[in-house]
Amino acid sequence: MRAPLYCLCLLLLVCLVIAESYYDEERDLQDRNIYYNTNGDNFQTDYKKLSDLLVKTHSHRTDYGEARGHLYPTIDRYPDDSLKCVYSQKLLEGDNKAAAGGVRIMVRGGSNPTYNCEHSMPQSWFNKQLPMKGDIHHLFTAETRCNGFRGNLPFGHYDTKKGDRALKEMAGCGIMFDRDGVKSFFPLYGRGAVARAVLYFITRYPGEIEHRNIPESHLEDIKQWAKDYPAERWEQHRNRYIYEVQGNRNPYIDFPTLVSEIDFSGALSN
């Protein structure tokens, strides 16, 4: 009986080591407290102070190639080392080496891969400028078909009660719909993660995005998603790893209540 018990204990120990190597919650909490304490105790609900902190601590500004080099092999990996589409949750083929190869293919502009890099804030909204283009906090792995279907449409919560009208649907990806003349995208999955990425972006880059790109009703949908779909271990792992690479964090992952406390009225330009 001792041998099976020993093997079970050893297996549990290995699982704990793997889990900790993926995301060390205790260490991340310590780093989080140090990070936010650098800007005083009462900054959290002040948009300007929070924005200044994200800018000041964004010490390493990755270009697009480097960003993808971190994204596929490590940042977007789940605890079981799988890589999934943010919108469809489809399991994407390939291990870390294959993912790294995918990076090389895309950087060189070669064959059409089954997945690529989704900018939750479309590049056309900021003219593909750095550091925005390479800011990993708003980048996600996505099936090529889902990325193409979304295009540069704003996120929105499809609701026929609000008068939303469905235009197209792509199975497994989401719905394209019209709201008051604005074509919008309702993703099947990943709403909480992309919502927090959008809120990070408009806090890190105040005034860079215009109101017409994120109408008020759409911003309210995004804030609601951030509340309705809390960050899970995968997203916490992303935040932790991006912090190590870039130097800054996503405060809406670290402090979920900020979504309701921050005044975003000055985040978008007219």
Protein backbone atom coordinates (compact mmCIF):
# COMPACT_ATOMS: atom_id res chain seq x y z
CA MET A 1 0.00 0.00 0.00
CA ARG A 2 2.93 2.30 0.66
CA ALA A 3 4.10 2.35 -2.96
CA PRO A 4 0.77 3.56 -4.43
CA LEU A 5 0.49 6.17 -1.66
CA TYR A 6 4.03 7.35 -2.34
CA CYS A 7 3.32 7.59 -6.07
CA LEU A 8 0.14 9.55 -5.40
CA CYS A 9 1.98 12.00 -3.14
CA LEU A 10 4.73 12.38 -5.72
CA LEU A 11 2.18 13.04 -8.46
CA LEU A 12 0.47 15.70 -6.35
CA LEU A 13 3.82 17.33 -5.65
CA VAL A 14 4.68 17.42 -9.35
CA CYS A 15 1.28 18.95 -10.13
CA LEU A 16 1.84 21.64 -7.50
CA VAL A 17 5.27 22.47 -8.90
CA ILE A 18 3.89 22.71 -12.44
CA ALA A 19 1.00 24.90 -11.29
CA GLU A 20 3.32 27.23 -9.39
CA SER A 21 5.71 27.49 -12.33
CA TYR A 22 2.75 28.49 -14.51
CA TYR A 23 1.41 31.12 -12.14
CA ASP A 24 2.84 31.84 -8.69
CA GLU A 25 -0.09 33.57 -7.01
CA GLU A 26 1.75 34.49 -3.81
CA ARG A 27 4.66 36.07 -5.65
CA ASP A 28 2.32 37.89 -8.00
CA LEU A 29 0.39 39.34 -5.07
CA GLN A 30 3.62 40.63 -3.55
CA ASP A 31 4.70 42.19 -6.84
CA ARG A 32 1.26 43.67 -7.36
CA ASN A 33 1.35 45.39 -3.97
CA ILE A 34 4.82 46.77 -4.61
CA TYR A 35 3.84 47.97 -8.08
CA TYR A 36 0.78 49.96 -7.03
CA ASN A 37 2.25 51.29 -3.80
CA THR A 38 4.89 53.13 -5.86
CA ASN A 39 2.27 55.71 -6.75
CA GLY A 40 0.72 56.28 -3.33
CA ASP A 41 -2.22 54.77 -1.49
CA ASN A 42 -5.18 56.61 -2.99
CA PHE A 43 -4.48 56.62 -6.70
CA GLN A 44 -6.57 53.58 -7.64
CA THR A 45 -9.81 55.39 -8.45
CA ASP A 46 -8.15 58.38 -10.13
CA TYR A 47 -7.99 57.88 -13.91
CA LYS A 48 -5.14 60.37 -14.45
CA LYS A 49 -2.92 58.91 -11.73
CA LEU A 50 -3.59 55.38 -12.89
CA SER A 51 -2.81 56.34 -16.48
CA ASP A 52 0.42 58.05 -15.41
CA LEU A 53 1.49 54.91 -13.55
CA LEU A 54 0.89 52.65 -16.57
CA VAL A 55 2.86 55.02 -18.81
CA LYS A 56 5.72 55.53 -16.35
CA THR A 57 6.23 51.82 -15.67
CA HIS A 58 5.94 50.72 -19.32
CA SER A 59 9.72 50.46 -19.37
CA HIS A 60 10.18 47.95 -22.20
CA ARG A 61 8.16 48.71 -25.31
CA THR A 62 8.10 45.65 -27.52
CA ASP A 63 7.81 45.83 -31.27
CA TYR A 64 5.21 43.65 -32.96
CA GLY A 65 7.58 40.80 -33.76
CA GLU A 66 8.92 40.55 -30.23
CA ALA A 67 5.39 40.76 -28.83
CA ARG A 68 4.28 37.73 -30.84
CA GLY A 69 7.47 35.95 -29.86
CA HIS A 70 6.26 36.11 -26.26
CA LEU A 71 2.55 35.67 -26.97
CA TYR A 72 2.27 32.28 -28.68
CA PRO A 73 4.92 30.18 -26.91
CA THR A 74 4.30 31.45 -23.36
CA ILE A 75 1.90 34.30 -22.55
CA ASP A 76 -1.26 32.88 -24.13
CA ARG A 77 -0.64 29.32 -22.95
CA TYR A 78 -3.12 27.67 -20.62
CA PRO A 79 -2.02 25.62 -17.57
CA ASP A 80 -2.02 22.43 -19.67
CA ASP A 81 0.24 24.20 -22.23
CA SER A 82 -2.58 24.43 -24.77
CA LEU A 83 -3.10 27.42 -27.05
CA LYS A 84 -6.68 28.52 -27.75
CA CYS A 85 -8.49 31.14 -29.79
CA VAL A 86 -9.72 33.94 -27.56
CA TYR A 87 -13.05 34.17 -29.42
CA SER A 88 -13.87 30.52 -30.17
CA GLN A 89 -11.83 28.70 -27.50
CA LYS A 90 -10.86 26.27 -30.25
CA LEU A 91 -7.80 24.24 -29.34
CA LEU A 92 -5.07 25.27 -31.76
CA GLU A 93 -2.64 22.65 -32.96
CA GLY A 94 1.08 22.65 -32.14
CA ASP A 95 3.35 22.71 -29.13
CA ASN A 96 5.62 25.57 -28.08
CA LYS A 97 8.10 24.90 -30.86
CA ALA A 98 5.36 24.86 -33.46
CA ALA A 99 3.99 28.08 -32.04
CA ALA A 100 7.39 29.70 -32.25
CA GLY A 101 7.58 28.53 -35.85
CA GLY A 102 4.24 30.20 -36.43
CA VAL A 103 5.77 33.44 -35.25
CA ARG A 104 8.55 33.14 -37.82
CA ILE A 105 6.06 32.40 -40.60
CA MET A 106 3.98 35.45 -39.79
CA VAL A 107 6.92 37.77 -39.30
CA ARG A 108 8.26 36.78 -42.70
CA GLY A 109 4.84 37.12 -44.29
CA GLY A 110 4.79 33.51 -45.43
CA SER A 111 1.96 31.01 -45.60
CA ASN A 112 -1.45 31.58 -44.09
CA PRO A 113 -1.43 30.06 -40.59
CA THR A 114 -4.54 28.79 -38.82
CA TYR A 115 -4.07 31.41 -36.12
CA ASN A 116 -2.61 34.87 -35.81
CA CYS A 117 -2.43 37.85 -33.49
CA GLU A 118 -5.63 39.70 -32.66
CA HIS A 119 -5.45 43.33 -31.58
CA SER A 120 -8.41 43.78 -29.24
CA MET A 121 -7.98 47.46 -30.15
CA PRO A 122 -7.85 47.38 -33.97
CA GLN A 123 -4.65 48.76 -35.47
CA SER A 124 -6.56 51.07 -37.81
CA TRP A 125 -7.84 52.97 -34.78
CA PHE A 126 -4.32 54.14 -33.92
CA ASN A 127 -2.64 54.01 -37.35
CA LYS A 128 -0.54 50.96 -36.44
CA GLN A 129 1.72 53.11 -34.30
CA LEU A 130 4.13 51.81 -31.66
CA PRO A 131 4.14 51.24 -28.76
CA MET A 132 0.41 50.56 -29.13
CA LYS A 133 0.81 47.98 -31.90
CA GLY A 134 3.20 45.89 -29.82
CA ASP A 135 1.61 46.35 -26.38
CA ILE A 136 1.02 42.75 -25.35
CA HIS A 137 -1.71 43.59 -22.84
CA HIS A 138 -4.22 43.95 -25.70
CA LEU A 139 -2.90 41.16 -27.96
CA PHE A 140 -4.48 37.71 -28.11
CA THR A 141 -4.12 34.54 -30.13
CA ALA A 142 -7.07 34.05 -32.48
CA GLU A 143 -8.12 31.80 -35.31
CA THR A 144 -7.41 33.59 -38.57
CA ARG A 145 -11.06 33.25 -39.60
CA CYS A 146 -12.35 34.79 -36.34
CA ASN A 147 -9.84 37.63 -36.51
CA GLY A 148 -10.84 38.37 -40.08
CA PHE A 149 -14.55 38.19 -39.27
CA ARG A 150 -14.23 40.72 -36.46
CA GLY A 151 -12.04 43.05 -38.54
CA ASN A 152 -11.95 46.46 -36.89
CA LEU A 153 -15.47 46.42 -35.45
CA PRO A 154 -16.07 47.65 -31.90
CA PHE A 155 -17.10 45.14 -29.26
CA GLY A 156 -20.72 45.19 -28.17
CA HIS A 157 -23.23 42.98 -26.40
CA TYR A 158 -25.77 41.79 -28.93
CA ASP A 159 -29.26 42.38 -27.51
CA THR A 160 -32.38 42.46 -29.67
CA LYS A 161 -34.21 44.22 -26.81
CA LYS A 162 -31.96 47.22 -27.47
CA GLY A 163 -32.86 47.15 -31.14
CA ASP A 164 -29.66 45.39 -32.22
CA ARG A 165 -29.97 43.74 -35.62
CA ALA A 166 -27.90 40.68 -36.56
CA LEU A 167 -26.03 41.01 -39.85
CA LYS A 168 -23.84 37.91 -40.00
CA GLU A 169 -22.79 35.05 -37.78
CA MET A 170 -19.65 32.94 -37.95
CA ALA A 171 -20.05 29.61 -36.19
CA GLY A 172 -17.81 29.38 -33.16
CA CYS A 173 -16.60 32.98 -33.41
CA GLY A 174 -19.43 35.42 -32.83
CA ILE A 175 -22.06 37.70 -34.31
CA MET A 176 -21.73 40.84 -36.40
CA PHE A 177 -24.62 43.17 -35.65
CA ASP A 178 -25.87 46.69 -36.22
CA ARG A 179 -26.63 49.10 -33.40
CA ASP A 180 -27.82 52.56 -34.38
CA GLY A 181 -25.89 52.34 -37.65
CA VAL A 182 -22.68 51.08 -36.02
CA LYS A 183 -21.50 47.64 -37.11
CA SER A 184 -20.35 45.77 -34.01
CA PHE A 185 -18.90 42.42 -32.93
CA PHE A 186 -20.24 40.14 -30.22
CA PRO A 187 -17.65 37.41 -29.48
CA LEU A 188 -18.74 33.95 -28.43
CA TYR A 189 -16.02 33.69 -25.77
CA GLY A 190 -13.32 35.83 -24.19
CA ARG A 191 -15.57 38.79 -23.39
CA GLY A 192 -14.11 39.43 -19.96
CA ALA A 193 -10.51 39.21 -21.13
CA VAL A 194 -10.94 41.51 -24.13
CA ALA A 195 -13.01 43.93 -22.04
CA ARG A 196 -10.20 44.32 -19.50
CA ALA A 197 -7.71 44.67 -22.36
CA VAL A 198 -9.77 47.51 -23.87
CA LEU A 199 -10.06 49.28 -20.52
CA TYR A 200 -6.30 48.92 -20.01
CA PHE A 201 -5.65 50.39 -23.44
CA ILE A 202 -7.82 53.48 -23.04
CA THR A 203 -6.20 54.07 -19.65
CA ARG A 204 -2.64 53.54 -20.86
CA TYR A 205 -3.19 55.65 -24.00
CA PRO A 206 -5.59 58.46 -23.05
CA GLY A 207 -7.11 60.29 -26.00
CA GLU A 208 -5.58 58.00 -28.63
CA ILE A 209 -8.91 56.36 -29.47
CA GLU A 210 -11.88 58.37 -30.73
CA HIS A 211 -15.42 58.20 -29.37
CA ARG A 212 -16.69 57.08 -32.77
CA ASN A 213 -14.65 53.89 -32.42
CA ILE A 214 -16.11 53.06 -29.02
CA PRO A 215 -19.58 54.64 -28.71
CA GLU A 216 -20.91 55.18 -25.19
CA SER A 217 -23.30 52.22 -25.30
CA HIS A 218 -20.45 49.96 -26.41
CA LEU A 219 -18.18 51.18 -23.61
CA GLU A 220 -20.93 50.36 -21.13
CA ASP A 221 -21.17 46.85 -22.61
CA ILE A 222 -17.41 46.43 -22.23
CA LYS A 223 -17.48 47.54 -18.60
CA GLN A 224 -20.32 45.12 -17.93
CA TRP A 225 -18.40 42.23 -19.49
CA ALA A 226 -15.44 43.00 -17.22
CA LYS A 227 -17.79 42.66 -14.24
CA ASP A 228 -19.70 39.62 -15.48
CA TYR A 229 -16.67 37.53 -16.50
CA PRO A 230 -13.95 37.68 -13.77
CA ALA A 231 -10.32 37.03 -14.67
CA GLU A 232 -9.30 33.39 -14.43
CA ARG A 233 -5.88 31.84 -13.88
CA TRP A 234 -4.98 32.08 -17.58
CA GLU A 235 -5.56 35.83 -17.60
CA GLN A 236 -3.70 36.29 -14.31
CA HIS A 237 -0.79 34.36 -15.82
CA ARG A 238 -0.88 36.67 -18.84
CA ASN A 239 -0.83 39.77 -16.66
CA ARG A 240 2.04 38.43 -14.58
CA TYR A 241 4.17 37.49 -17.59
CA ILE A 242 3.48 40.73 -19.47
CA TYR A 243 4.46 42.62 -16.32
CA GLU A 244 7.83 40.84 -16.39
CA VAL A 245 8.30 41.72 -20.07
CA GLN A 246 6.92 45.28 -20.26
CA GLY A 247 7.12 46.52 -16.68
CA ASN A 248 3.45 47.53 -16.35
CA ARG A 249 0.30 45.70 -15.33
CA ASN A 250 -3.40 45.62 -16.18
CA PRO A 251 -5.10 47.19 -13.14
CA TYR A 252 -8.52 45.87 -14.14
CA ILE A 253 -7.23 42.33 -13.66
CA ASP A 254 -5.52 43.22 -10.38
CA PHE A 255 -8.45 45.22 -8.95
CA PRO A 256 -11.78 44.19 -10.53
CA THR A 257 -13.76 46.87 -8.67
CA LEU A 258 -11.87 49.59 -10.54
CA VAL A 259 -14.19 49.05 -13.50
CA SER A 260 -17.01 50.64 -11.50
CA GLU A 261 -14.84 53.23 -9.74
CA ILE A 262 -12.85 54.77 -12.58
CA ASP A 263 -14.27 57.71 -14.52
CA PHE A 264 -13.51 56.99 -18.19
CA SER A 265 -15.04 60.23 -19.48
CA GLY A 266 -11.63 61.62 -20.47
CA ALA A 267 -10.26 58.41 -21.96
CA LEU A 268 -11.54 58.90 -25.52
CA SER A 269 -11.06 61.85 -27.85
CA ASN A 270 -13.81 63.60 -29.81
